[in-house]
Amino acid sequence: MELMMNIALCLVVAILLGFLIGWYFAKTLASEEYDMEYNELNSSEDEYSRQIRTLESKYEKEHMLRKNEEKKSKDLKFELMKKVTLLKNTTDTLEMLKSKDSSRKDDNKLLKKLEKLIKEKNAELVEFESVLVKAEKTIEELKKRDLDKKNG
């Protein structure tokens, strides 16, 4: 009976010793695996942070570009309105001169001068309109890109 008790005690000690050794190995392997996963997660987090900073700087640059284009568009619209007003005044003056007696030599010279001025102003107006249309298209494209970046 005493021999069986010693054998049983040895078996219990062997089982406990095997359990402790197994638990220690499992803990060591899990710790190494956790360290590797932590390092991988940390490096990918750094990469994402760098990408976010890059995208934020690009967004700020494009935002400033859009604001500059809007300001340029407002300035061009103001210039266009000035040219349109001048053209309208010139056209009104020309119409008034045409309604008067055009037989006088001075009136004919003035009329030709005004017609030439109207042609020049019309050419300038067409040029300003094309510039304004280009600026508005650029602004619309920048706004679309901003919306796409905010949504995407």
Protein backbone atom coordinates (compact mmCIF):
# COMPACT_ATOMS: atom_id res chain seq x y z
CA MET A 1 0.00 0.00 0.00
CA GLU A 2 2.85 2.33 0.88
CA LEU A 3 4.48 1.57 -2.46
CA MET A 4 1.28 2.40 -4.32
CA MET A 5 1.01 5.67 -2.42
CA ASN A 6 4.59 6.58 -3.41
CA ILE A 7 3.86 5.71 -7.06
CA ALA A 8 0.66 7.77 -7.00
CA LEU A 9 2.52 10.69 -5.38
CA CYS A 10 5.27 10.48 -8.04
CA LEU A 11 2.62 10.45 -10.79
CA VAL A 12 0.92 13.52 -9.31
CA VAL A 13 4.29 15.33 -9.03
CA ALA A 14 5.13 14.32 -12.64
CA ILE A 15 1.75 15.58 -13.87
CA LEU A 16 2.21 18.91 -12.04
CA LEU A 17 5.78 19.25 -13.32
CA GLY A 18 4.63 18.53 -16.93
CA PHE A 19 1.80 21.03 -16.58
CA LEU A 20 4.14 23.77 -15.31
CA ILE A 21 6.70 23.16 -18.08
CA GLY A 22 3.96 23.19 -20.75
CA TRP A 23 2.41 26.35 -19.31
CA TYR A 24 5.82 28.08 -19.30
CA PHE A 25 6.51 27.16 -22.96
CA ALA A 26 3.04 28.31 -24.03
CA LYS A 27 3.50 31.62 -22.22
CA THR A 28 6.93 32.19 -23.82
CA LEU A 29 5.68 31.42 -27.36
CA ALA A 30 2.57 33.56 -26.95
CA SER A 31 4.68 36.48 -25.70
CA GLU A 32 6.98 36.29 -28.76
CA GLU A 33 4.00 36.06 -31.12
CA TYR A 34 2.35 39.03 -29.39
CA ASP A 35 5.56 41.08 -29.71
CA MET A 36 5.74 40.32 -33.44
CA GLU A 37 2.08 41.26 -33.99
CA TYR A 38 2.53 44.44 -31.95
CA ASN A 39 5.55 45.48 -34.05
CA GLU A 40 3.67 44.78 -37.29
CA LEU A 41 0.65 46.77 -36.09
CA ASN A 42 2.85 49.63 -34.93
CA SER A 43 4.66 49.86 -38.27
CA SER A 44 1.39 49.75 -40.25
CA GLU A 45 -0.05 52.44 -37.95
CA ASP A 46 2.98 54.64 -38.66
CA GLU A 47 2.47 54.11 -42.41
CA TYR A 48 -1.21 55.05 -42.15
CA SER A 49 -0.34 58.15 -40.13
CA ARG A 50 2.18 59.20 -42.77
CA GLN A 51 -0.36 58.65 -45.53
CA ILE A 52 -2.97 60.67 -43.65
CA ARG A 53 -0.53 63.56 -43.18
CA THR A 54 0.33 63.44 -46.89
CA LEU A 55 -3.33 63.49 -47.87
CA GLU A 56 -4.06 66.32 -45.46
CA SER A 57 -1.27 68.44 -46.94
CA LYS A 58 -2.52 67.72 -50.47
CA TYR A 59 -6.03 68.66 -49.40
CA GLU A 60 -4.81 71.95 -47.92
CA LYS A 61 -2.87 72.80 -51.09
CA GLU A 62 -5.86 72.09 -53.32
CA HIS A 63 -8.14 74.00 -50.98
CA MET A 64 -5.87 77.04 -51.25
CA LEU A 65 -5.70 76.61 -55.03
CA ARG A 66 -9.49 76.53 -55.21
CA LYS A 67 -9.74 79.70 -53.09
CA ASN A 68 -7.21 81.43 -55.34
CA GLU A 69 -9.16 80.39 -58.44
CA GLU A 70 -12.40 81.69 -56.91
CA LYS A 71 -10.74 85.02 -56.14
CA LYS A 72 -9.33 85.19 -59.66
CA SER A 73 -12.79 84.40 -61.03
CA LYS A 74 -14.36 87.23 -59.00
CA ASP A 75 -11.70 89.64 -60.24
CA LEU A 76 -12.27 88.58 -63.84
CA LYS A 77 -16.04 88.98 -63.43
CA PHE A 78 -15.50 92.50 -62.11
CA GLU A 79 -13.28 93.35 -65.07
CA LEU A 80 -15.82 91.85 -67.43
CA MET A 81 -18.60 93.94 -65.93
CA LYS A 82 -16.49 97.07 -66.36
CA LYS A 83 -15.87 96.18 -70.01
CA VAL A 84 -19.55 95.41 -70.60
CA THR A 85 -20.57 98.75 -69.09
CA LEU A 86 -18.04 100.58 -71.22
CA LEU A 87 -19.20 98.70 -74.30
CA LYS A 88 -22.83 99.52 -73.56
CA ASN A 89 -22.01 103.21 -73.10
CA THR A 90 -20.04 103.22 -76.33
CA THR A 91 -22.85 101.45 -78.16
CA ASP A 92 -25.39 103.94 -76.83
CA THR A 93 -23.19 106.80 -77.96
CA LEU A 94 -22.82 105.23 -81.38
CA GLU A 95 -26.55 104.72 -81.73
CA MET A 96 -27.14 108.32 -80.74
CA LEU A 97 -24.63 109.50 -83.31
CA LYS A 98 -26.16 107.34 -86.04
CA SER A 99 -29.57 108.83 -85.39
CA LYS A 100 -28.23 112.33 -85.97
CA ASP A 101 -27.36 113.72 -89.30
CA SER A 102 -24.35 111.71 -90.45
CA SER A 103 -23.51 113.98 -93.33
CA ARG A 104 -21.11 116.03 -91.33
CA LYS A 105 -17.50 115.12 -91.77
CA ASP A 106 -16.60 115.31 -88.10
CA ASP A 107 -19.48 113.04 -87.20
CA ASN A 108 -18.32 110.49 -89.76
CA LYS A 109 -14.83 110.51 -88.32
CA LEU A 110 -16.20 110.13 -84.81
CA LEU A 111 -18.51 107.38 -85.99
CA LYS A 112 -15.66 105.43 -87.55
CA LYS A 113 -13.59 105.94 -84.45
CA LEU A 114 -16.41 104.68 -82.25
CA GLU A 115 -17.05 101.67 -84.51
CA LYS A 116 -13.38 100.78 -84.29
CA LEU A 117 -13.55 101.17 -80.52
CA ILE A 118 -16.62 98.93 -80.38
CA LYS A 119 -14.85 96.24 -82.39
CA GLU A 120 -11.87 96.41 -80.04
CA LYS A 121 -14.10 96.26 -76.99
CA ASN A 122 -16.03 93.33 -78.46
CA ALA A 123 -12.76 91.48 -78.97
CA GLU A 124 -11.74 92.21 -75.38
CA LEU A 125 -15.15 91.09 -74.15
CA VAL A 126 -14.85 87.79 -75.99
CA GLU A 127 -11.37 87.29 -74.53
CA PHE A 128 -12.56 88.03 -70.99
CA GLU A 129 -15.52 85.69 -71.41
CA SER A 130 -13.27 82.83 -72.48
CA VAL A 131 -10.95 83.42 -69.52
CA LEU A 132 -13.93 83.53 -67.16
CA VAL A 133 -15.34 80.29 -68.55
CA LYS A 134 -11.98 78.57 -68.08
CA ALA A 135 -11.71 79.83 -64.51
CA GLU A 136 -15.22 78.63 -63.68
CA LYS A 137 -14.49 75.18 -65.14
CA THR A 138 -11.33 74.98 -63.05
CA ILE A 139 -13.26 75.93 -59.92
CA GLU A 140 -15.91 73.30 -60.64
CA GLU A 141 -13.25 70.63 -61.12
CA LEU A 142 -11.56 71.57 -57.86
CA LYS A 143 -14.88 71.50 -56.01
CA LYS A 144 -15.62 68.05 -57.46
CA ARG A 145 -12.21 66.79 -56.34
CA ASP A 146 -12.75 68.19 -52.85
CA LEU A 147 -16.13 66.48 -52.63
CA ASP A 148 -14.66 63.22 -53.93
CA LYS A 149 -11.86 63.35 -51.36
CA LYS A 150 -14.27 64.11 -48.55
CA ASN A 151 -16.58 61.27 -49.59
CA GLY A 152 -13.85 58.77 -50.54
